[in-house]
Amino acid sequence: MQHPNDGVSSQSSRYDKVVWTSSMERLFIELMHEEFTNHQLQSSTFPPWVWSRITERMNSVMSQQGCIFTTAQLKGKLSRLRRAWRLLNDLITKGTGWGWDSERHTITGDAGRLEELYQVNFT
């Protein structure tokens, strides 16, 4: 697993790259969901003290795997997750010819076009 600060100066820490696994994403989403259900969301984000708590809890689990996150990295990940959700939602709901296969839990449509959309929006 890649450590967030490998080969990156401290000045560019907000641009650190982390290879997110599905289990890391799941943990992050679960932590945010817990805060959301505890009514800690203010408008569309969490207050700084909640972000500190999410960061601490994320690091308490991930530090065992050699990965430490900053709050800025977690906020960036949330931003990318939101962007991915908006793209997926638009693909499914705006008459694009794309849909959702609830049995296989995947979107339906041309896989090549999906890869192209991903490259344009997320790289």
PDB file of N, CA and C in Angstrom:
ATOM      1  N   MET A   1       0.845  -1.168   0.000  1.00  0.00           N
ATOM      2  CA  MET A   1       0.000   0.000   0.000  1.00  0.00           C
ATOM      3  C   MET A   1       0.891   1.232   0.000  1.00  0.00           C
ATOM      4  N   GLN A   2       0.513   2.209  -0.732  1.00  0.00           N
ATOM      5  CA  GLN A   2       1.290   3.435  -0.823  1.00  0.00           C
ATOM      6  C   GLN A   2       1.017   4.335   0.369  1.00  0.00           C
ATOM      7  N   HIS A   3       2.084   4.824   0.980  1.00  0.00           N
ATOM      8  CA  HIS A   3       1.942   5.777   2.081  1.00  0.00           C
ATOM      9  C   HIS A   3       1.653   7.143   1.483  1.00  0.00           C
ATOM     10  N   PRO A   4       0.754   7.925   2.077  1.00  0.00           N
ATOM     11  CA  PRO A   4       0.372   9.209   1.499  1.00  0.00           C
ATOM     12  C   PRO A   4       1.523  10.177   1.286  1.00  0.00           C
ATOM     13  N   ASN A   5       2.594  10.100   2.045  1.00  0.00           N
ATOM     14  CA  ASN A   5       3.660  11.083   1.929  1.00  0.00           C
ATOM     15  C   ASN A   5       4.897  10.582   1.201  1.00  0.00           C
ATOM     16  N   ASP A   6       4.855   9.396   0.600  1.00  0.00           N
ATOM     17  CA  ASP A   6       6.020   8.868  -0.097  1.00  0.00           C
ATOM     18  C   ASP A   6       6.419   9.789  -1.243  1.00  0.00           C
ATOM     19  N   GLY A   7       7.633  10.315  -1.180  1.00  0.00           N
ATOM     20  CA  GLY A   7       8.171  11.098  -2.273  1.00  0.00           C
ATOM     21  C   GLY A   7       7.539  12.459  -2.468  1.00  0.00           C
ATOM     22  N   VAL A   8       6.823  12.967  -1.499  1.00  0.00           N
ATOM     23  CA  VAL A   8       6.142  14.247  -1.651  1.00  0.00           C
ATOM     24  C   VAL A   8       6.600  15.171  -0.537  1.00  0.00           C
ATOM     25  N   SER A   9       6.940  16.399  -0.897  1.00  0.00           N
ATOM     26  CA  SER A   9       7.370  17.349   0.131  1.00  0.00           C
ATOM     27  C   SER A   9       6.196  17.756   0.994  1.00  0.00           C
ATOM     28  N   SER A  10       6.499  18.256   2.185  1.00  0.00           N
ATOM     29  CA  SER A  10       5.433  18.658   3.096  1.00  0.00           C
ATOM     30  C   SER A  10       4.637  19.826   2.548  1.00  0.00           C
ATOM     31  N   GLN A  11       5.241  20.662   1.695  1.00  0.00           N
ATOM     32  CA  GLN A  11       4.520  21.795   1.130  1.00  0.00           C
ATOM     33  C   GLN A  11       3.418  21.356   0.180  1.00  0.00           C
ATOM     34  N   SER A  12       3.548  20.207  -0.428  1.00  0.00           N
ATOM     35  CA  SER A  12       2.537  19.768  -1.382  1.00  0.00           C
ATOM     36  C   SER A  12       1.651  18.679  -0.803  1.00  0.00           C
ATOM     37  N   SER A  13       1.533  18.626   0.528  1.00  0.00           N
ATOM     38  CA  SER A  13       0.798  17.533   1.163  1.00  0.00           C
ATOM     39  C   SER A  13      -0.653  17.478   0.718  1.00  0.00           C
ATOM     40  N   ARG A  14      -1.250  18.602   0.340  1.00  0.00           N
ATOM     41  CA  ARG A  14      -2.643  18.540  -0.086  1.00  0.00           C
ATOM     42  C   ARG A  14      -2.800  17.828  -1.426  1.00  0.00           C
ATOM     43  N   TYR A  15      -1.692  17.610  -2.130  1.00  0.00           N
ATOM     44  CA  TYR A  15      -1.746  16.920  -3.412  1.00  0.00           C
ATOM     45  C   TYR A  15      -1.257  15.482  -3.310  1.00  0.00           C
ATOM     46  N   ASP A  16      -0.999  15.018  -2.104  1.00  0.00           N
ATOM     47  CA  ASP A  16      -0.521  13.649  -1.924  1.00  0.00           C
ATOM     48  C   ASP A  16      -1.492  12.676  -2.556  1.00  0.00           C
ATOM     49  N   LYS A  17      -0.932  11.649  -3.160  1.00  0.00           N
ATOM     50  CA  LYS A  17      -1.754  10.627  -3.800  1.00  0.00           C
ATOM     51  C   LYS A  17      -1.837   9.404  -2.901  1.00  0.00           C
ATOM     52  N   VAL A  18      -3.024   8.897  -2.758  1.00  0.00           N
ATOM     53  CA  VAL A  18      -3.255   7.678  -2.000  1.00  0.00           C
ATOM     54  C   VAL A  18      -3.998   6.730  -2.919  1.00  0.00           C
ATOM     55  N   VAL A  19      -3.572   5.492  -2.964  1.00  0.00           N
ATOM     56  CA  VAL A  19      -4.293   4.478  -3.722  1.00  0.00           C
ATOM     57  C   VAL A  19      -5.385   3.944  -2.810  1.00  0.00           C
ATOM     58  N   TRP A  20      -6.614   4.365  -3.074  1.00  0.00           N
ATOM     59  CA  TRP A  20      -7.748   3.990  -2.225  1.00  0.00           C
ATOM     60  C   TRP A  20      -8.254   2.612  -2.617  1.00  0.00           C
ATOM     61  N   THR A  21      -8.355   1.724  -1.648  1.00  0.00           N
ATOM     62  CA  THR A  21      -8.980   0.423  -1.872  1.00  0.00           C
ATOM     63  C   THR A  21     -10.472   0.555  -1.574  1.00  0.00           C
ATOM     64  N   SER A  22     -11.239  -0.425  -2.000  1.00  0.00           N
ATOM     65  CA  SER A  22     -12.679  -0.372  -1.716  1.00  0.00           C
ATOM     66  C   SER A  22     -12.943  -0.438  -0.213  1.00  0.00           C
ATOM     67  N   SER A  23     -12.109  -1.160   0.532  1.00  0.00           N
ATOM     68  CA  SER A  23     -12.323  -1.218   1.986  1.00  0.00           C
ATOM     69  C   SER A  23     -12.005   0.125   2.644  1.00  0.00           C
ATOM     70  N   MET A  24     -11.028   0.854   2.124  1.00  0.00           N
ATOM     71  CA  MET A  24     -10.727   2.188   2.646  1.00  0.00           C
ATOM     72  C   MET A  24     -11.888   3.142   2.368  1.00  0.00           C
ATOM     73  N   GLU A  25     -12.408   3.085   1.137  1.00  0.00           N
ATOM     74  CA  GLU A  25     -13.557   3.934   0.795  1.00  0.00           C
ATOM     75  C   GLU A  25     -14.754   3.599   1.671  1.00  0.00           C
ATOM     76  N   ARG A  26     -14.987   2.310   1.867  1.00  0.00           N
ATOM     77  CA  ARG A  26     -16.123   1.873   2.681  1.00  0.00           C
ATOM     78  C   ARG A  26     -16.005   2.409   4.107  1.00  0.00           C
ATOM     79  N   LEU A  27     -14.816   2.297   4.693  1.00  0.00           N
ATOM     80  CA  LEU A  27     -14.589   2.811   6.043  1.00  0.00           C
ATOM     81  C   LEU A  27     -14.844   4.317   6.092  1.00  0.00           C
ATOM     82  N   PHE A  28     -14.305   5.051   5.142  1.00  0.00           N
ATOM     83  CA  PHE A  28     -14.471   6.502   5.094  1.00  0.00           C
ATOM     84  C   PHE A  28     -15.946   6.878   4.981  1.00  0.00           C
ATOM     85  N   ILE A  29     -16.666   6.203   4.112  1.00  0.00           N
ATOM     86  CA  ILE A  29     -18.096   6.484   3.938  1.00  0.00           C
ATOM     87  C   ILE A  29     -18.868   6.132   5.205  1.00  0.00           C
ATOM     88  N   GLU A  30     -18.529   5.013   5.840  1.00  0.00           N
ATOM     89  CA  GLU A  30     -19.205   4.632   7.091  1.00  0.00           C
ATOM     90  C   GLU A  30     -18.976   5.666   8.188  1.00  0.00           C
ATOM     91  N   LEU A  31     -17.743   6.169   8.298  1.00  0.00           N
ATOM     92  CA  LEU A  31     -17.449   7.187   9.312  1.00  0.00           C
ATOM     93  C   LEU A  31     -18.243   8.465   9.049  1.00  0.00           C
ATOM     94  N   MET A  32     -18.306   8.876   7.780  1.00  0.00           N
ATOM     95  CA  MET A  32     -19.080  10.077   7.453  1.00  0.00           C
ATOM     96  C   MET A  32     -20.566   9.847   7.692  1.00  0.00           C
ATOM     97  N   HIS A  33     -21.041   8.652   7.372  1.00  0.00           N
ATOM     98  CA  HIS A  33     -22.456   8.345   7.578  1.00  0.00           C
ATOM     99  C   HIS A  33     -22.812   8.409   9.060  1.00  0.00           C
ATOM    100  N   GLU A  34     -21.934   7.891   9.912  1.00  0.00           N
ATOM    101  CA  GLU A  34     -22.175   7.971  11.360  1.00  0.00           C
ATOM    102  C   GLU A  34     -22.307   9.424  11.811  1.00  0.00           C
ATOM    103  N   GLU A  35     -21.426  10.274  11.320  1.00  0.00           N
ATOM    104  CA  GLU A  35     -21.498  11.694  11.689  1.00  0.00           C
ATOM    105  C   GLU A  35     -22.774  12.330  11.137  1.00  0.00           C
ATOM    106  N   PHE A  36     -23.142  11.950   9.929  1.00  0.00           N
ATOM    107  CA  PHE A  36     -24.366  12.476   9.324  1.00  0.00           C
ATOM    108  C   PHE A  36     -25.588  12.074  10.147  1.00  0.00           C
ATOM    109  N   THR A  37     -25.651  10.801  10.536  1.00  0.00           N
ATOM    110  CA  THR A  37     -26.813  10.342  11.303  1.00  0.00           C
ATOM    111  C   THR A  37     -26.841  10.937  12.704  1.00  0.00           C
ATOM    112  N   ASN A  38     -25.691  11.417  13.187  1.00  0.00           N
ATOM    113  CA  ASN A  38     -25.641  12.119  14.472  1.00  0.00           C
ATOM    114  C   ASN A  38     -25.880  13.618  14.302  1.00  0.00           C
ATOM    115  N   HIS A  39     -26.350  14.002  13.121  1.00  0.00           N
ATOM    116  CA  HIS A  39     -26.716  15.396  12.814  1.00  0.00           C
ATOM    117  C   HIS A  39     -25.539  16.353  12.902  1.00  0.00           C
ATOM    118  N   GLN A  40     -24.372  15.907  12.476  1.00  0.00           N
ATOM    119  CA  GLN A  40     -23.190  16.764  12.535  1.00  0.00           C
ATOM    120  C   GLN A  40     -22.910  17.479  11.217  1.00  0.00           C
ATOM    121  N   LEU A  41     -23.739  17.253  10.199  1.00  0.00           N
ATOM    122  CA  LEU A  41     -23.533  17.893   8.906  1.00  0.00           C
ATOM    123  C   LEU A  41     -24.100  19.302   8.947  1.00  0.00           C
ATOM    124  N   GLN A  42     -23.304  20.285   8.540  1.00  0.00           N
ATOM    125  CA  GLN A  42     -23.765  21.666   8.466  1.00  0.00           C
ATOM    126  C   GLN A  42     -23.826  22.041   6.997  1.00  0.00           C
ATOM    127  N   SER A  43     -25.009  22.301   6.503  1.00  0.00           N
ATOM    128  CA  SER A  43     -25.276  22.517   5.081  1.00  0.00           C
ATOM    129  C   SER A  43     -24.751  21.315   4.308  1.00  0.00           C
ATOM    130  N   SER A  44     -23.674  21.444   3.558  1.00  0.00           N
ATOM    131  CA  SER A  44     -23.206  20.305   2.768  1.00  0.00           C
ATOM    132  C   SER A  44     -21.839  19.792   3.212  1.00  0.00           C
ATOM    133  N   THR A  45     -21.396  20.197   4.382  1.00  0.00           N
ATOM    134  CA  THR A  45     -20.108  19.714   4.873  1.00  0.00           C
ATOM    135  C   THR A  45     -20.136  19.603   6.398  1.00  0.00           C
ATOM    136  N   PHE A  46     -19.065  19.071   6.920  1.00  0.00           N
ATOM    137  CA  PHE A  46     -18.934  18.926   8.367  1.00  0.00           C
ATOM    138  C   PHE A  46     -18.136  20.101   8.931  1.00  0.00           C
ATOM    139  N   PRO A  47     -18.396  20.476  10.180  1.00  0.00           N
ATOM    140  CA  PRO A  47     -17.567  21.507  10.808  1.00  0.00           C
ATOM    141  C   PRO A  47     -16.158  20.959  11.061  1.00  0.00           C
ATOM    142  N   PRO A  48     -15.184  21.843  11.260  1.00  0.00           N
ATOM    143  CA  PRO A  48     -13.789  21.396  11.434  1.00  0.00           C
ATOM    144  C   PRO A  48     -13.593  20.354  12.530  1.00  0.00           C
ATOM    145  N   TRP A  49     -14.276  20.479  13.645  1.00  0.00           N
ATOM    146  CA  TRP A  49     -14.072  19.517  14.733  1.00  0.00           C
ATOM    147  C   TRP A  49     -14.559  18.124  14.351  1.00  0.00           C
ATOM    148  N   VAL A  50     -15.574  18.041  13.492  1.00  0.00           N
ATOM    149  CA  VAL A  50     -16.036  16.726  13.032  1.00  0.00           C
ATOM    150  C   VAL A  50     -15.024  16.146  12.045  1.00  0.00           C
ATOM    151  N   TRP A  51     -14.478  16.994  11.161  1.00  0.00           N
ATOM    152  CA  TRP A  51     -13.444  16.510  10.245  1.00  0.00           C
ATOM    153  C   TRP A  51     -12.246  15.981  11.031  1.00  0.00           C
ATOM    154  N   SER A  52     -11.905  16.642  12.116  1.00  0.00           N
ATOM    155  CA  SER A  52     -10.796  16.154  12.955  1.00  0.00           C
ATOM    156  C   SER A  52     -11.108  14.775  13.514  1.00  0.00           C
ATOM    157  N   ARG A  53     -12.337  14.588  13.953  1.00  0.00           N
ATOM    158  CA  ARG A  53     -12.736  13.293  14.504  1.00  0.00           C
ATOM    159  C   ARG A  53     -12.733  12.220  13.413  1.00  0.00           C
ATOM    160  N   ILE A  54     -13.245  12.534  12.235  1.00  0.00           N
ATOM    161  CA  ILE A  54     -13.238  11.565  11.131  1.00  0.00           C
ATOM    162  C   ILE A  54     -11.797  11.192  10.792  1.00  0.00           C
ATOM    163  N   THR A  55     -10.924  12.188  10.720  1.00  0.00           N
ATOM    164  CA  THR A  55      -9.515  11.938  10.404  1.00  0.00           C
ATOM    165  C   THR A  55      -8.872  11.047  11.463  1.00  0.00           C
ATOM    166  N   GLU A  56      -9.108  11.344  12.728  1.00  0.00           N
ATOM    167  CA  GLU A  56      -8.547  10.529  13.815  1.00  0.00           C
ATOM    168  C   GLU A  56      -9.040   9.092  13.740  1.00  0.00           C
ATOM    169  N   ARG A  57     -10.328   8.923  13.506  1.00  0.00           N
ATOM    170  CA  ARG A  57     -10.888   7.566  13.461  1.00  0.00           C
ATOM    171  C   ARG A  57     -10.382   6.809  12.236  1.00  0.00           C
ATOM    172  N   MET A  58     -10.277   7.489  11.111  1.00  0.00           N
ATOM    173  CA  MET A  58      -9.754   6.860   9.901  1.00  0.00           C
ATOM    174  C   MET A  58      -8.306   6.420  10.134  1.00  0.00           C
ATOM    175  N   ASN A  59      -7.521   7.296  10.730  1.00  0.00           N
ATOM    176  CA  ASN A  59      -6.112   6.978  10.975  1.00  0.00           C
ATOM    177  C   ASN A  59      -5.925   5.897  12.029  1.00  0.00           C
ATOM    178  N   SER A  60      -6.838   5.801  12.983  1.00  0.00           N
ATOM    179  CA  SER A  60      -6.700   4.756  14.000  1.00  0.00           C
ATOM    180  C   SER A  60      -6.793   3.370  13.376  1.00  0.00           C
ATOM    181  N   VAL A  61      -7.544   3.254  12.302  1.00  0.00           N
ATOM    182  CA  VAL A  61      -7.650   1.972  11.596  1.00  0.00           C
ATOM    183  C   VAL A  61      -6.542   1.836  10.554  1.00  0.00           C
ATOM    184  N   MET A  62      -6.350   2.875   9.748  1.00  0.00           N
ATOM    185  CA  MET A  62      -5.439   2.770   8.612  1.00  0.00           C
ATOM    186  C   MET A  62      -3.963   2.833   9.004  1.00  0.00           C
ATOM    187  N   SER A  63      -3.642   3.403  10.161  1.00  0.00           N
ATOM    188  CA  SER A  63      -2.235   3.460  10.574  1.00  0.00           C
ATOM    189  C   SER A  63      -1.674   2.057  10.785  1.00  0.00           C
ATOM    190  N   GLN A  64      -2.535   1.106  11.104  1.00  0.00           N
ATOM    191  CA  GLN A  64      -2.108  -0.284  11.264  1.00  0.00           C
ATOM    192  C   GLN A  64      -1.637  -0.863   9.936  1.00  0.00           C
ATOM    193  N   GLN A  65      -2.087  -0.252   8.833  1.00  0.00           N
ATOM    194  CA  GLN A  65      -1.680  -0.688   7.500  1.00  0.00           C
ATOM    195  C   GLN A  65      -0.629   0.250   6.908  1.00  0.00           C
ATOM    196  N   GLY A  66      -0.107   1.155   7.734  1.00  0.00           N
ATOM    197  CA  GLY A  66       0.954   2.049   7.288  1.00  0.00           C
ATOM    198  C   GLY A  66       0.484   3.243   6.488  1.00  0.00           C
ATOM    199  N   CYS A  67      -0.754   3.627   6.644  1.00  0.00           N
ATOM    200  CA  CYS A  67      -1.305   4.737   5.867  1.00  0.00           C
ATOM    201  C   CYS A  67      -1.916   5.766   6.815  1.00  0.00           C
ATOM    202  N   ILE A  68      -1.456   6.997   6.711  1.00  0.00           N
ATOM    203  CA  ILE A  68      -1.959   8.084   7.542  1.00  0.00           C
ATOM    204  C   ILE A  68      -2.535   9.157   6.620  1.00  0.00           C
ATOM    205  N   PHE A  69      -3.703   9.666   6.975  1.00  0.00           N
ATOM    206  CA  PHE A  69      -4.381  10.678   6.168  1.00  0.00           C
ATOM    207  C   PHE A  69      -4.380  12.030   6.860  1.00  0.00           C
ATOM    208  N   THR A  70      -4.420  13.075   6.051  1.00  0.00           N
ATOM    209  CA  THR A  70      -4.665  14.415   6.565  1.00  0.00           C
ATOM    210  C   THR A  70      -6.138  14.733   6.323  1.00  0.00           C
ATOM    211  N   THR A  71      -6.638  15.713   7.038  1.00  0.00           N
ATOM    212  CA  THR A  71      -8.018  16.145   6.819  1.00  0.00           C
ATOM    213  C   THR A  71      -8.192  16.633   5.388  1.00  0.00           C
ATOM    214  N   ALA A  72      -7.194  17.330   4.860  1.00  0.00           N
ATOM    215  CA  ALA A  72      -7.279  17.830   3.479  1.00  0.00           C
ATOM    216  C   ALA A  72      -7.424  16.677   2.487  1.00  0.00           C
ATOM    217  N   GLN A  73      -6.714  15.579   2.719  1.00  0.00           N
ATOM    218  CA  GLN A  73      -6.840  14.421   1.830  1.00  0.00           C
ATOM    219  C   GLN A  73      -8.248  13.840   1.893  1.00  0.00           C
ATOM    220  N   LEU A  74      -8.805  13.748   3.087  1.00  0.00           N
ATOM    221  CA  LEU A  74     -10.150  13.188   3.231  1.00  0.00           C
ATOM    222  C   LEU A  74     -11.191  14.104   2.605  1.00  0.00           C
ATOM    223  N   LYS A  75     -11.040  15.399   2.764  1.00  0.00           N
ATOM    224  CA  LYS A  75     -11.964  16.337   2.119  1.00  0.00           C
ATOM    225  C   LYS A  75     -11.870  16.220   0.600  1.00  0.00           C
ATOM    226  N   GLY A  76     -10.656  16.043   0.094  1.00  0.00           N
ATOM    227  CA  GLY A  76     -10.468  15.850  -1.342  1.00  0.00           C
ATOM    228  C   GLY A  76     -11.138  14.580  -1.828  1.00  0.00           C
ATOM    229  N   LYS A  77     -11.024  13.518  -1.037  1.00  0.00           N
ATOM    230  CA  LYS A  77     -11.670  12.256  -1.407  1.00  0.00           C
ATOM    231  C   LYS A  77     -13.175  12.425  -1.434  1.00  0.00           C
ATOM    232  N   LEU A  78     -13.732  13.125  -0.450  1.00  0.00           N
ATOM    233  CA  LEU A  78     -15.174  13.374  -0.452  1.00  0.00           C
ATOM    234  C   LEU A  78     -15.574  14.139  -1.702  1.00  0.00           C
ATOM    235  N   SER A  79     -14.794  15.104  -2.093  1.00  0.00           N
ATOM    236  CA  SER A  79     -15.090  15.875  -3.299  1.00  0.00           C
ATOM    237  C   SER A  79     -15.099  14.974  -4.533  1.00  0.00           C
ATOM    238  N   ARG A  80     -14.135  14.065  -4.630  1.00  0.00           N
ATOM    239  CA  ARG A  80     -14.088  13.142  -5.773  1.00  0.00           C
ATOM    240  C   ARG A  80     -15.243  12.152  -5.737  1.00  0.00           C
ATOM    241  N   LEU A  81     -15.618  11.690  -4.551  1.00  0.00           N
ATOM    242  CA  LEU A  81     -16.771  10.787  -4.442  1.00  0.00           C
ATOM    243  C   LEU A  81     -18.053  11.493  -4.875  1.00  0.00           C
ATOM    244  N   ARG A  82     -18.205  12.752  -4.479  1.00  0.00           N
ATOM    245  CA  ARG A  82     -19.387  13.522  -4.896  1.00  0.00           C
ATOM    246  C   ARG A  82     -19.427  13.689  -6.410  1.00  0.00           C
ATOM    247  N   ARG A  83     -18.269  13.996  -6.995  1.00  0.00           N
ATOM    248  CA  ARG A  83     -18.208  14.169  -8.444  1.00  0.00           C
ATOM    249  C   ARG A  83     -18.565  12.860  -9.156  1.00  0.00           C
ATOM    250  N   ALA A  84     -18.061  11.743  -8.653  1.00  0.00           N
ATOM    251  CA  ALA A  84     -18.383  10.441  -9.248  1.00  0.00           C
ATOM    252  C   ALA A  84     -19.873  10.149  -9.124  1.00  0.00           C
ATOM    253  N   TRP A  85     -20.457  10.469  -7.974  1.00  0.00           N
ATOM    254  CA  TRP A  85     -21.884  10.250  -7.772  1.00  0.00           C
ATOM    255  C   TRP A  85     -22.706  11.091  -8.750  1.00  0.00           C
ATOM    256  N   ARG A  86     -22.344  12.360  -8.915  1.00  0.00           N
ATOM    257  CA  ARG A  86     -23.082  13.226  -9.842  1.00  0.00           C
ATOM    258  C   ARG A  86     -23.005  12.691 -11.263  1.00  0.00           C
ATOM    259  N   LEU A  87     -21.819  12.241 -11.678  1.00  0.00           N
ATOM    260  CA  LEU A  87     -21.660  11.688 -13.019  1.00  0.00           C
ATOM    261  C   LEU A  87     -22.519  10.442 -13.184  1.00  0.00           C
ATOM    262  N   LEU A  88     -22.459   9.535 -12.228  1.00  0.00           N
ATOM    263  CA  LEU A  88     -23.254   8.311 -12.297  1.00  0.00           C
ATOM    264  C   LEU A  88     -24.742   8.638 -12.312  1.00  0.00           C
ATOM    265  N   ASN A  89     -25.165   9.533 -11.446  1.00  0.00           N
ATOM    266  CA  ASN A  89     -26.571   9.918 -11.383  1.00  0.00           C
ATOM    267  C   ASN A  89     -27.027  10.534 -12.708  1.00  0.00           C
ATOM    268  N   ASP A  90     -26.205  11.389 -13.290  1.00  0.00           N
ATOM    269  CA  ASP A  90     -26.547  11.991 -14.579  1.00  0.00           C
ATOM    270  C   ASP A  90     -26.638  10.935 -15.675  1.00  0.00           C
ATOM    271  N   LEU A  91     -25.706   9.982 -15.677  1.00  0.00           N
ATOM    272  CA  LEU A  91     -25.728   8.926 -16.691  1.00  0.00           C
ATOM    273  C   LEU A  91     -27.017   8.113 -16.621  1.00  0.00           C
ATOM    274  N   ILE A  92     -27.461   7.847 -15.408  1.00  0.00           N
ATOM    275  CA  ILE A  92     -28.621   6.979 -15.223  1.00  0.00           C
ATOM    276  C   ILE A  92     -29.934   7.723 -15.402  1.00  0.00           C
ATOM    277  N   THR A  93     -30.009   8.971 -15.006  1.00  0.00           N
ATOM    278  CA  THR A  93     -31.305   9.658 -14.948  1.00  0.00           C
ATOM    279  C   THR A  93     -31.579  10.646 -16.067  1.00  0.00           C
ATOM    280  N   LYS A  94     -30.616  10.979 -16.882  1.00  0.00           N
ATOM    281  CA  LYS A  94     -30.829  12.048 -17.857  1.00  0.00           C
ATOM    282  C   LYS A  94     -30.950  11.563 -19.293  1.00  0.00           C
ATOM    283  N   GLY A  95     -31.537  10.409 -19.491  1.00  0.00           N
ATOM    284  CA  GLY A  95     -31.822   9.939 -20.839  1.00  0.00           C
ATOM    285  C   GLY A  95     -30.600   9.711 -21.699  1.00  0.00           C
ATOM    286  N   THR A  96     -29.525   9.238 -21.109  1.00  0.00           N
ATOM    287  CA  THR A  96     -28.285   9.028 -21.852  1.00  0.00           C
ATOM    288  C   THR A  96     -28.203   7.640 -22.475  1.00  0.00           C
ATOM    289  N   GLY A  97     -29.186   6.791 -22.177  1.00  0.00           N
ATOM    290  CA  GLY A  97     -29.119   5.417 -22.647  1.00  0.00           C
ATOM    291  C   GLY A  97     -28.436   4.493 -21.653  1.00  0.00           C
ATOM    292  N   TRP A  98     -27.969   5.055 -20.570  1.00  0.00           N
ATOM    293  CA  TRP A  98     -27.345   4.272 -19.526  1.00  0.00           C
ATOM    294  C   TRP A  98     -28.400   3.903 -18.500  1.00  0.00           C
ATOM    295  N   GLY A  99     -28.150   2.833 -17.772  1.00  0.00           N
ATOM    296  CA  GLY A  99     -29.074   2.406 -16.733  1.00  0.00           C
ATOM    297  C   GLY A  99     -28.335   1.696 -15.613  1.00  0.00           C
ATOM    298  N   TRP A 100     -29.101   1.093 -14.721  1.00  0.00           N
ATOM    299  CA  TRP A 100     -28.541   0.399 -13.571  1.00  0.00           C
ATOM    300  C   TRP A 100     -29.054  -1.020 -13.544  1.00  0.00           C
ATOM    301  N   ASP A 101     -28.156  -1.996 -13.475  1.00  0.00           N
ATOM    302  CA  ASP A 101     -28.505  -3.402 -13.341  1.00  0.00           C
ATOM    303  C   ASP A 101     -28.460  -3.729 -11.851  1.00  0.00           C
ATOM    304  N   SER A 102     -29.640  -3.778 -11.223  1.00  0.00           N
ATOM    305  CA  SER A 102     -29.685  -3.978  -9.769  1.00  0.00           C
ATOM    306  C   SER A 102     -29.283  -5.392  -9.364  1.00  0.00           C
ATOM    307  N   GLU A 103     -29.367  -6.332 -10.266  1.00  0.00           N
ATOM    308  CA  GLU A 103     -28.962  -7.701  -9.949  1.00  0.00           C
ATOM    309  C   GLU A 103     -27.437  -7.823  -9.870  1.00  0.00           C
ATOM    310  N   ARG A 104     -26.749  -7.187 -10.818  1.00  0.00           N
ATOM    311  CA  ARG A 104     -25.279  -7.246 -10.856  1.00  0.00           C
ATOM    312  C   ARG A 104     -24.627  -6.044 -10.177  1.00  0.00           C
ATOM    313  N   HIS A 105     -25.433  -5.075  -9.768  1.00  0.00           N
ATOM    314  CA  HIS A 105     -24.933  -3.862  -9.108  1.00  0.00           C
ATOM    315  C   HIS A 105     -23.905  -3.134  -9.966  1.00  0.00           C
ATOM    316  N   THR A 106     -24.284  -2.875 -11.192  1.00  0.00           N
ATOM    317  CA  THR A 106     -23.399  -2.174 -12.117  1.00  0.00           C
ATOM    318  C   THR A 106     -24.231  -1.359 -13.098  1.00  0.00           C
ATOM    319  N   ILE A 107     -23.589  -0.398 -13.749  1.00  0.00           N
ATOM    320  CA  ILE A 107     -24.317   0.369 -14.749  1.00  0.00           C
ATOM    321  C   ILE A 107     -24.315  -0.392 -16.063  1.00  0.00           C
ATOM    322  N   THR A 108     -25.313  -0.126 -16.873  1.00  0.00           N
ATOM    323  CA  THR A 108     -25.404  -0.755 -18.183  1.00  0.00           C
ATOM    324  C   THR A 108     -25.080   0.291 -19.235  1.00  0.00           C
ATOM    325  N   GLY A 109     -24.484  -0.137 -20.308  1.00  0.00           N
ATOM    326  CA  GLY A 109     -24.112   0.767 -21.391  1.00  0.00           C
ATOM    327  C   GLY A 109     -22.784   0.330 -21.978  1.00  0.00           C
ATOM    328  N   ASP A 110     -22.284   1.109 -22.920  1.00  0.00           N
ATOM    329  CA  ASP A 110     -21.042   0.812 -23.607  1.00  0.00           C
ATOM    330  C   ASP A 110     -19.851   1.010 -22.669  1.00  0.00           C
ATOM    331  N   ALA A 111     -19.126  -0.069 -22.378  1.00  0.00           N
ATOM    332  CA  ALA A 111     -18.000  -0.010 -21.438  1.00  0.00           C
ATOM    333  C   ALA A 111     -16.896   0.920 -21.937  1.00  0.00           C
ATOM    334  N   GLY A 112     -16.668   0.955 -23.232  1.00  0.00           N
ATOM    335  CA  GLY A 112     -15.648   1.851 -23.784  1.00  0.00           C
ATOM    336  C   GLY A 112     -15.991   3.305 -23.541  1.00  0.00           C
ATOM    337  N   ARG A 113     -17.246   3.634 -23.705  1.00  0.00           N
ATOM    338  CA  ARG A 113     -17.697   5.014 -23.459  1.00  0.00           C
ATOM    339  C   ARG A 113     -17.575   5.357 -21.973  1.00  0.00           C
ATOM    340  N   LEU A 114     -17.877   4.402 -21.115  1.00  0.00           N
ATOM    341  CA  LEU A 114     -17.748   4.633 -19.680  1.00  0.00           C
ATOM    342  C   LEU A 114     -16.296   4.919 -19.318  1.00  0.00           C
ATOM    343  N   GLU A 115     -15.363   4.159 -19.861  1.00  0.00           N
ATOM    344  CA  GLU A 115     -13.942   4.386 -19.592  1.00  0.00           C
ATOM    345  C   GLU A 115     -13.524   5.771 -20.082  1.00  0.00           C
ATOM    346  N   GLU A 116     -14.022   6.160 -21.246  1.00  0.00           N
ATOM    347  CA  GLU A 116     -13.723   7.492 -21.781  1.00  0.00           C
ATOM    348  C   GLU A 116     -14.246   8.586 -20.846  1.00  0.00           C
ATOM    349  N   LEU A 117     -15.475   8.437 -20.372  1.00  0.00           N
ATOM    350  CA  LEU A 117     -16.051   9.410 -19.442  1.00  0.00           C
ATOM    351  C   LEU A 117     -15.252   9.465 -18.148  1.00  0.00           C
ATOM    352  N   TYR A 118     -14.823   8.315 -17.678  1.00  0.00           N
ATOM    353  CA  TYR A 118     -14.030   8.265 -16.449  1.00  0.00           C
ATOM    354  C   TYR A 118     -12.715   9.021 -16.640  1.00  0.00           C
ATOM    355  N   GLN A 119     -12.034   8.770 -17.752  1.00  0.00           N
ATOM    356  CA  GLN A 119     -10.754   9.430 -18.008  1.00  0.00           C
ATOM    357  C   GLN A 119     -10.915  10.943 -18.092  1.00  0.00           C
ATOM    358  N   VAL A 120     -11.969  11.403 -18.732  1.00  0.00           N
ATOM    359  CA  VAL A 120     -12.211  12.839 -18.870  1.00  0.00           C
ATOM    360  C   VAL A 120     -12.514  13.475 -17.526  1.00  0.00           C
ATOM    361  N   ASN A 121     -13.268  12.793 -16.674  1.00  0.00           N
ATOM    362  CA  ASN A 121     -13.746  13.385 -15.432  1.00  0.00           C
ATOM    363  C   ASN A 121     -12.885  13.117 -14.211  1.00  0.00           C
ATOM    364  N   PHE A 122     -12.039  12.097 -14.225  1.00  0.00           N
ATOM    365  CA  PHE A 122     -11.351  11.712 -12.991  1.00  0.00           C
ATOM    366  C   PHE A 122      -9.849  11.540 -13.108  1.00  0.00           C
ATOM    367  N   THR A 123      -9.246  11.901 -14.207  1.00  0.00           N
ATOM    368  CA  THR A 123      -7.783  11.794 -14.275  1.00  0.00           C
ATOM    369  C   THR A 123      -7.165  13.130 -14.559  1.00  0.00           C
TER     370      THR A 123
END
